[in-house]
Amino acid sequence: MNRPTRNTLFGCVLCLILAGFYACGAQAQQKQRSPLDQQTRDIRKNFNDCFYSSAANQLKMNRAMDANMASEAAFQACATEEQAIIGFLALNHLPQNQAAALVTGIKLQLKKTMREIAAHPERYK
């Protein structure tokens, strides 16, 4: 895949991520946060916490492991949290293909962060 296509694809995924979370959130006119906003943040935080703790444990057990491999192992370990995101999006009437694209975007974002951490660990101490 050439760079313009990859950038366009990444831009589309990023837009879907933002649209998905805004679609699941409270109405823009509300000043107070709704329970739906809190639930969205809680579900995402659970997934992030699971991912980072699992990836960190993978890297502690095997220092030679690549950050991408540790990320993929962490995604497997966090399948329940991933299903919680998909289920939450389905309950809020997001089509399955958009929910899948949203989860893929989240995973890409987390893998990118893991690569940054692996490249510059001194920034994250």
N, C-alpha and C. Protein backbone atom coordinates (compact mmCIF):
# COMPACT_ATOMS: atom_id res chain seq x y z
N MET A 1 0.84 -1.16 0.00
CA MET A 1 0.00 0.00 0.00
C MET A 1 0.90 1.24 0.00
N ASN A 2 0.64 2.18 -0.90
CA ASN A 2 1.50 3.35 -0.94
C ASN A 2 1.11 4.33 0.17
N ARG A 3 1.98 5.28 0.43
CA ARG A 3 1.80 6.20 1.56
C ARG A 3 0.50 7.00 1.48
N PRO A 4 0.12 7.61 0.32
CA PRO A 4 -1.14 8.37 0.31
C PRO A 4 -2.35 7.49 0.67
N THR A 5 -2.36 6.26 0.18
CA THR A 5 -3.47 5.37 0.51
C THR A 5 -3.47 5.05 1.99
N ARG A 6 -2.31 4.78 2.55
CA ARG A 6 -2.20 4.47 3.97
C ARG A 6 -2.64 5.67 4.81
N ASN A 7 -2.21 6.87 4.41
CA ASN A 7 -2.60 8.07 5.15
C ASN A 7 -4.10 8.31 5.06
N THR A 8 -4.68 8.08 3.89
CA THR A 8 -6.12 8.24 3.72
C THR A 8 -6.86 7.24 4.57
N LEU A 9 -6.39 6.00 4.58
CA LEU A 9 -7.01 4.96 5.39
C LEU A 9 -6.92 5.31 6.87
N PHE A 10 -5.75 5.77 7.31
CA PHE A 10 -5.57 6.15 8.71
C PHE A 10 -6.50 7.32 9.05
N GLY A 11 -6.62 8.29 8.15
CA GLY A 11 -7.52 9.43 8.39
C GLY A 11 -8.97 8.99 8.51
N CYS A 12 -9.38 8.05 7.68
CA CYS A 12 -10.75 7.52 7.75
C CYS A 12 -10.99 6.80 9.07
N VAL A 13 -10.02 5.98 9.48
CA VAL A 13 -10.16 5.25 10.74
C VAL A 13 -10.23 6.23 11.90
N LEU A 14 -9.40 7.26 11.88
CA LEU A 14 -9.41 8.25 12.94
C LEU A 14 -10.75 8.97 13.00
N CYS A 15 -11.30 9.31 11.84
CA CYS A 15 -12.62 9.95 11.81
C CYS A 15 -13.68 9.03 12.37
N LEU A 16 -13.60 7.74 12.03
CA LEU A 16 -14.57 6.79 12.57
C LEU A 16 -14.46 6.67 14.09
N ILE A 17 -13.22 6.71 14.59
CA ILE A 17 -13.03 6.64 16.04
C ILE A 17 -13.71 7.83 16.71
N LEU A 18 -13.43 9.00 16.20
CA LEU A 18 -14.02 10.19 16.80
C LEU A 18 -15.54 10.19 16.64
N ALA A 19 -16.02 9.83 15.48
CA ALA A 19 -17.47 9.80 15.26
C ALA A 19 -18.14 8.77 16.15
N GLY A 20 -17.50 7.63 16.32
CA GLY A 20 -18.08 6.59 17.17
C GLY A 20 -18.21 7.03 18.61
N PHE A 21 -17.17 7.65 19.14
CA PHE A 21 -17.25 8.08 20.54
C PHE A 21 -18.17 9.28 20.70
N TYR A 22 -18.25 10.16 19.71
CA TYR A 22 -19.20 11.25 19.82
C TYR A 22 -20.62 10.75 19.66
N ALA A 23 -20.83 9.75 18.82
CA ALA A 23 -22.17 9.19 18.65
C ALA A 23 -22.64 8.50 19.92
N CYS A 24 -21.70 7.93 20.66
CA CYS A 24 -22.04 7.24 21.91
C CYS A 24 -22.11 8.18 23.10
N GLY A 25 -21.63 9.39 22.94
CA GLY A 25 -21.59 10.33 24.06
C GLY A 25 -22.88 11.11 24.21
N ALA A 26 -22.88 12.01 25.13
CA ALA A 26 -24.05 12.85 25.39
C ALA A 26 -24.21 13.86 24.27
N GLN A 27 -25.38 14.50 24.24
CA GLN A 27 -25.62 15.52 23.24
C GLN A 27 -24.68 16.69 23.46
N ALA A 28 -24.26 17.31 22.36
CA ALA A 28 -23.27 18.39 22.45
C ALA A 28 -23.79 19.59 23.24
N GLN A 29 -25.11 19.76 23.28
CA GLN A 29 -25.67 20.92 23.96
C GLN A 29 -25.64 20.78 25.48
N GLN A 30 -25.51 19.57 26.00
CA GLN A 30 -25.55 19.37 27.44
C GLN A 30 -24.27 19.89 28.07
N LYS A 31 -24.41 20.62 29.15
CA LYS A 31 -23.25 21.11 29.87
C LYS A 31 -22.72 20.05 30.82
N GLN A 32 -23.61 19.24 31.41
CA GLN A 32 -23.19 18.20 32.33
C GLN A 32 -22.92 16.92 31.56
N ARG A 33 -22.04 16.11 32.11
CA ARG A 33 -21.73 14.83 31.50
C ARG A 33 -22.83 13.84 31.86
N SER A 34 -23.25 13.10 30.86
CA SER A 34 -24.30 12.12 31.10
C SER A 34 -23.69 10.80 31.57
N PRO A 35 -24.52 9.90 32.09
CA PRO A 35 -24.02 8.57 32.45
C PRO A 35 -23.42 7.84 31.26
N LEU A 36 -23.92 8.13 30.05
CA LEU A 36 -23.39 7.49 28.84
C LEU A 36 -21.95 7.91 28.59
N ASP A 37 -21.64 9.20 28.82
CA ASP A 37 -20.26 9.68 28.69
C ASP A 37 -19.35 8.94 29.66
N GLN A 38 -19.80 8.83 30.90
CA GLN A 38 -19.00 8.16 31.92
C GLN A 38 -18.81 6.69 31.57
N GLN A 39 -19.85 6.06 31.09
CA GLN A 39 -19.76 4.65 30.71
C GLN A 39 -18.79 4.45 29.55
N THR A 40 -18.83 5.37 28.58
CA THR A 40 -17.91 5.30 27.44
C THR A 40 -16.46 5.40 27.93
N ARG A 41 -16.20 6.36 28.82
CA ARG A 41 -14.84 6.53 29.35
C ARG A 41 -14.42 5.32 30.16
N ASP A 42 -15.33 4.78 30.96
CA ASP A 42 -14.99 3.63 31.80
C ASP A 42 -14.64 2.40 30.97
N ILE A 43 -15.41 2.15 29.92
CA ILE A 43 -15.16 0.99 29.06
C ILE A 43 -13.82 1.15 28.36
N ARG A 44 -13.54 2.33 27.85
CA ARG A 44 -12.26 2.57 27.16
C ARG A 44 -11.10 2.48 28.15
N LYS A 45 -11.28 3.02 29.36
CA LYS A 45 -10.23 2.95 30.37
C LYS A 45 -9.94 1.50 30.75
N ASN A 46 -10.98 0.69 30.89
CA ASN A 46 -10.77 -0.73 31.20
C ASN A 46 -9.94 -1.41 30.12
N PHE A 47 -10.24 -1.12 28.86
CA PHE A 47 -9.49 -1.71 27.75
C PHE A 47 -8.04 -1.23 27.78
N ASN A 48 -7.84 0.08 27.95
CA ASN A 48 -6.48 0.62 28.00
C ASN A 48 -5.69 0.03 29.16
N ASP A 49 -6.30 -0.02 30.35
CA ASP A 49 -5.61 -0.57 31.52
C ASP A 49 -5.21 -2.02 31.29
N CYS A 50 -6.14 -2.80 30.75
CA CYS A 50 -5.84 -4.20 30.47
C CYS A 50 -4.69 -4.30 29.47
N PHE A 51 -4.77 -3.51 28.42
CA PHE A 51 -3.74 -3.56 27.37
C PHE A 51 -2.36 -3.22 27.93
N TYR A 52 -2.26 -2.09 28.62
CA TYR A 52 -0.95 -1.65 29.09
C TYR A 52 -0.38 -2.60 30.14
N SER A 53 -1.21 -3.12 31.05
CA SER A 53 -0.67 -4.04 32.05
C SER A 53 -0.24 -5.35 31.40
N SER A 54 -1.00 -5.84 30.45
CA SER A 54 -0.65 -7.08 29.78
C SER A 54 0.61 -6.90 28.94
N ALA A 55 0.69 -5.81 28.19
CA ALA A 55 1.87 -5.56 27.36
C ALA A 55 3.12 -5.38 28.22
N ALA A 56 2.98 -4.69 29.34
CA ALA A 56 4.12 -4.50 30.24
C ALA A 56 4.59 -5.84 30.79
N ASN A 57 3.65 -6.70 31.17
CA ASN A 57 4.02 -8.02 31.68
C ASN A 57 4.70 -8.86 30.60
N GLN A 58 4.22 -8.77 29.37
CA GLN A 58 4.85 -9.49 28.26
C GLN A 58 6.31 -9.04 28.10
N LEU A 59 6.53 -7.74 28.15
CA LEU A 59 7.88 -7.21 27.96
C LEU A 59 8.78 -7.52 29.15
N LYS A 60 8.21 -7.57 30.36
CA LYS A 60 9.00 -7.94 31.54
C LYS A 60 9.44 -9.39 31.48
N MET A 61 8.54 -10.26 30.99
CA MET A 61 8.86 -11.68 30.91
C MET A 61 9.89 -11.97 29.82
N ASN A 62 9.86 -11.19 28.75
CA ASN A 62 10.76 -11.43 27.63
C ASN A 62 11.27 -10.09 27.11
N ARG A 63 12.40 -9.66 27.62
CA ARG A 63 12.96 -8.35 27.26
C ARG A 63 13.26 -8.22 25.77
N ALA A 64 13.48 -9.34 25.10
CA ALA A 64 13.82 -9.30 23.67
C ALA A 64 12.58 -9.19 22.79
N MET A 65 11.40 -9.26 23.39
CA MET A 65 10.15 -9.23 22.61
C MET A 65 9.96 -7.85 21.97
N ASP A 66 9.53 -7.85 20.74
CA ASP A 66 9.22 -6.64 20.00
C ASP A 66 7.95 -6.00 20.57
N ALA A 67 7.87 -4.67 20.54
CA ALA A 67 6.70 -3.96 21.07
C ALA A 67 5.43 -4.36 20.32
N ASN A 68 5.53 -4.62 19.02
CA ASN A 68 4.36 -5.04 18.25
C ASN A 68 3.87 -6.41 18.69
N MET A 69 4.81 -7.32 18.94
CA MET A 69 4.43 -8.66 19.40
C MET A 69 3.79 -8.59 20.79
N ALA A 70 4.34 -7.76 21.66
CA ALA A 70 3.77 -7.59 22.99
C ALA A 70 2.37 -6.99 22.89
N SER A 71 2.18 -6.07 21.95
CA SER A 71 0.86 -5.46 21.75
C SER A 71 -0.16 -6.50 21.30
N GLU A 72 0.23 -7.32 20.33
CA GLU A 72 -0.70 -8.34 19.83
C GLU A 72 -1.06 -9.35 20.92
N ALA A 73 -0.08 -9.73 21.73
CA ALA A 73 -0.36 -10.65 22.84
C ALA A 73 -1.30 -9.98 23.84
N ALA A 74 -1.11 -8.69 24.08
CA ALA A 74 -1.98 -7.96 25.00
C ALA A 74 -3.40 -7.88 24.46
N PHE A 75 -3.56 -7.69 23.15
CA PHE A 75 -4.91 -7.65 22.57
C PHE A 75 -5.61 -8.99 22.78
N GLN A 76 -4.88 -10.08 22.64
CA GLN A 76 -5.48 -11.39 22.89
C GLN A 76 -5.89 -11.54 24.34
N ALA A 77 -5.08 -11.01 25.24
CA ALA A 77 -5.39 -11.11 26.67
C ALA A 77 -6.58 -10.24 27.06
N CYS A 78 -6.86 -9.23 26.26
CA CYS A 78 -7.93 -8.27 26.59
C CYS A 78 -9.17 -8.47 25.71
N ALA A 79 -9.41 -9.68 25.28
CA ALA A 79 -10.55 -9.96 24.41
C ALA A 79 -11.89 -9.63 25.07
N THR A 80 -12.00 -9.84 26.37
CA THR A 80 -13.25 -9.54 27.08
C THR A 80 -13.53 -8.04 27.06
N GLU A 81 -12.51 -7.23 27.30
CA GLU A 81 -12.67 -5.79 27.28
C GLU A 81 -13.01 -5.30 25.87
N GLU A 82 -12.41 -5.94 24.86
CA GLU A 82 -12.72 -5.59 23.47
C GLU A 82 -14.18 -5.91 23.17
N GLN A 83 -14.65 -7.06 23.63
CA GLN A 83 -16.06 -7.42 23.43
C GLN A 83 -16.98 -6.46 24.16
N ALA A 84 -16.55 -5.94 25.31
CA ALA A 84 -17.35 -4.95 26.03
C ALA A 84 -17.52 -3.68 25.19
N ILE A 85 -16.45 -3.26 24.52
CA ILE A 85 -16.54 -2.08 23.65
C ILE A 85 -17.52 -2.36 22.51
N ILE A 86 -17.36 -3.49 21.85
CA ILE A 86 -18.22 -3.83 20.71
C ILE A 86 -19.67 -3.93 21.15
N GLY A 87 -19.90 -4.58 22.30
CA GLY A 87 -21.26 -4.70 22.81
C GLY A 87 -21.87 -3.35 23.17
N PHE A 88 -21.07 -2.48 23.77
CA PHE A 88 -21.54 -1.14 24.13
C PHE A 88 -21.92 -0.36 22.88
N LEU A 89 -21.08 -0.44 21.85
CA LEU A 89 -21.38 0.26 20.60
C LEU A 89 -22.63 -0.30 19.93
N ALA A 90 -22.81 -1.63 19.99
CA ALA A 90 -24.01 -2.25 19.41
C ALA A 90 -25.26 -1.79 20.16
N LEU A 91 -25.17 -1.71 21.48
CA LEU A 91 -26.32 -1.24 22.27
C LEU A 91 -26.69 0.20 21.93
N ASN A 92 -25.70 0.94 21.47
CA ASN A 92 -25.95 2.33 21.09
C ASN A 92 -26.13 2.49 19.59
N HIS A 93 -26.51 1.39 18.94
CA HIS A 93 -26.95 1.37 17.54
C HIS A 93 -25.87 1.74 16.52
N LEU A 94 -24.62 1.46 16.84
CA LEU A 94 -23.55 1.65 15.86
C LEU A 94 -23.44 0.37 15.05
N PRO A 95 -23.50 0.46 13.72
CA PRO A 95 -23.42 -0.75 12.90
C PRO A 95 -22.14 -1.54 13.17
N GLN A 96 -22.23 -2.84 12.97
CA GLN A 96 -21.13 -3.75 13.30
C GLN A 96 -19.84 -3.40 12.57
N ASN A 97 -19.93 -3.04 11.30
CA ASN A 97 -18.72 -2.70 10.55
C ASN A 97 -18.07 -1.43 11.08
N GLN A 98 -18.87 -0.46 11.53
CA GLN A 98 -18.31 0.75 12.11
C GLN A 98 -17.70 0.47 13.48
N ALA A 99 -18.34 -0.39 14.25
CA ALA A 99 -17.80 -0.77 15.56
C ALA A 99 -16.45 -1.48 15.38
N ALA A 100 -16.37 -2.36 14.40
CA ALA A 100 -15.11 -3.07 14.13
C ALA A 100 -14.02 -2.08 13.71
N ALA A 101 -14.38 -1.11 12.87
CA ALA A 101 -13.41 -0.09 12.45
C ALA A 101 -12.96 0.76 13.63
N LEU A 102 -13.88 1.04 14.53
CA LEU A 102 -13.55 1.81 15.72
C LEU A 102 -12.57 1.06 16.62
N VAL A 103 -12.83 -0.22 16.83
CA VAL A 103 -11.93 -1.04 17.65
C VAL A 103 -10.56 -1.15 16.98
N THR A 104 -10.54 -1.32 15.68
CA THR A 104 -9.26 -1.38 14.95
C THR A 104 -8.49 -0.07 15.12
N GLY A 105 -9.19 1.04 15.05
CA GLY A 105 -8.54 2.34 15.25
C GLY A 105 -7.96 2.48 16.65
N ILE A 106 -8.70 2.00 17.64
CA ILE A 106 -8.20 2.03 19.03
C ILE A 106 -6.94 1.19 19.14
N LYS A 107 -6.96 0.00 18.54
CA LYS A 107 -5.79 -0.88 18.59
C LYS A 107 -4.59 -0.24 17.91
N LEU A 108 -4.80 0.39 16.76
CA LEU A 108 -3.70 1.06 16.07
C LEU A 108 -3.11 2.16 16.92
N GLN A 109 -3.97 2.90 17.60
CA GLN A 109 -3.51 3.98 18.47
C GLN A 109 -2.68 3.42 19.63
N LEU A 110 -3.13 2.34 20.23
CA LEU A 110 -2.40 1.73 21.34
C LEU A 110 -1.06 1.16 20.87
N LYS A 111 -1.04 0.51 19.70
CA LYS A 111 0.22 -0.02 19.18
C LYS A 111 1.22 1.10 18.90
N LYS A 112 0.73 2.20 18.38
CA LYS A 112 1.61 3.33 18.10
C LYS A 112 2.22 3.85 19.41
N THR A 113 1.40 3.95 20.44
CA THR A 113 1.90 4.39 21.75
C THR A 113 2.94 3.42 22.29
N MET A 114 2.70 2.13 22.13
CA MET A 114 3.67 1.13 22.59
C MET A 114 5.00 1.27 21.85
N ARG A 115 4.95 1.52 20.55
CA ARG A 115 6.19 1.71 19.79
C ARG A 115 6.92 2.96 20.26
N GLU A 116 6.18 4.03 20.58
CA GLU A 116 6.81 5.24 21.11
C GLU A 116 7.46 4.97 22.45
N ILE A 117 6.78 4.22 23.31
CA ILE A 117 7.33 3.89 24.62
C ILE A 117 8.60 3.05 24.46
N ALA A 118 8.56 2.08 23.55
CA ALA A 118 9.73 1.22 23.33
C ALA A 118 10.90 2.03 22.76
N ALA A 119 10.60 3.00 21.91
CA ALA A 119 11.66 3.80 21.29
C ALA A 119 12.26 4.83 22.26
N HIS A 120 11.44 5.33 23.17
CA HIS A 120 11.88 6.38 24.10
C HIS A 120 11.42 6.07 25.52
N PRO A 121 11.93 5.01 26.13
CA PRO A 121 11.45 4.63 27.47
C PRO A 121 11.75 5.68 28.54
N GLU A 122 12.76 6.50 28.32
CA GLU A 122 13.11 7.52 29.32
C GLU A 122 11.99 8.55 29.49
N ARG A 123 11.15 8.75 28.49
CA ARG A 123 10.05 9.71 28.58
C ARG A 123 8.91 9.20 29.45
N TYR A 124 8.86 7.91 29.69
CA TYR A 124 7.70 7.30 30.35
C TYR A 124 8.03 6.72 31.72
N LYS A 125 9.09 7.19 32.34
CA LYS A 125 9.45 6.67 33.67
C LYS A 125 8.77 7.44 34.75
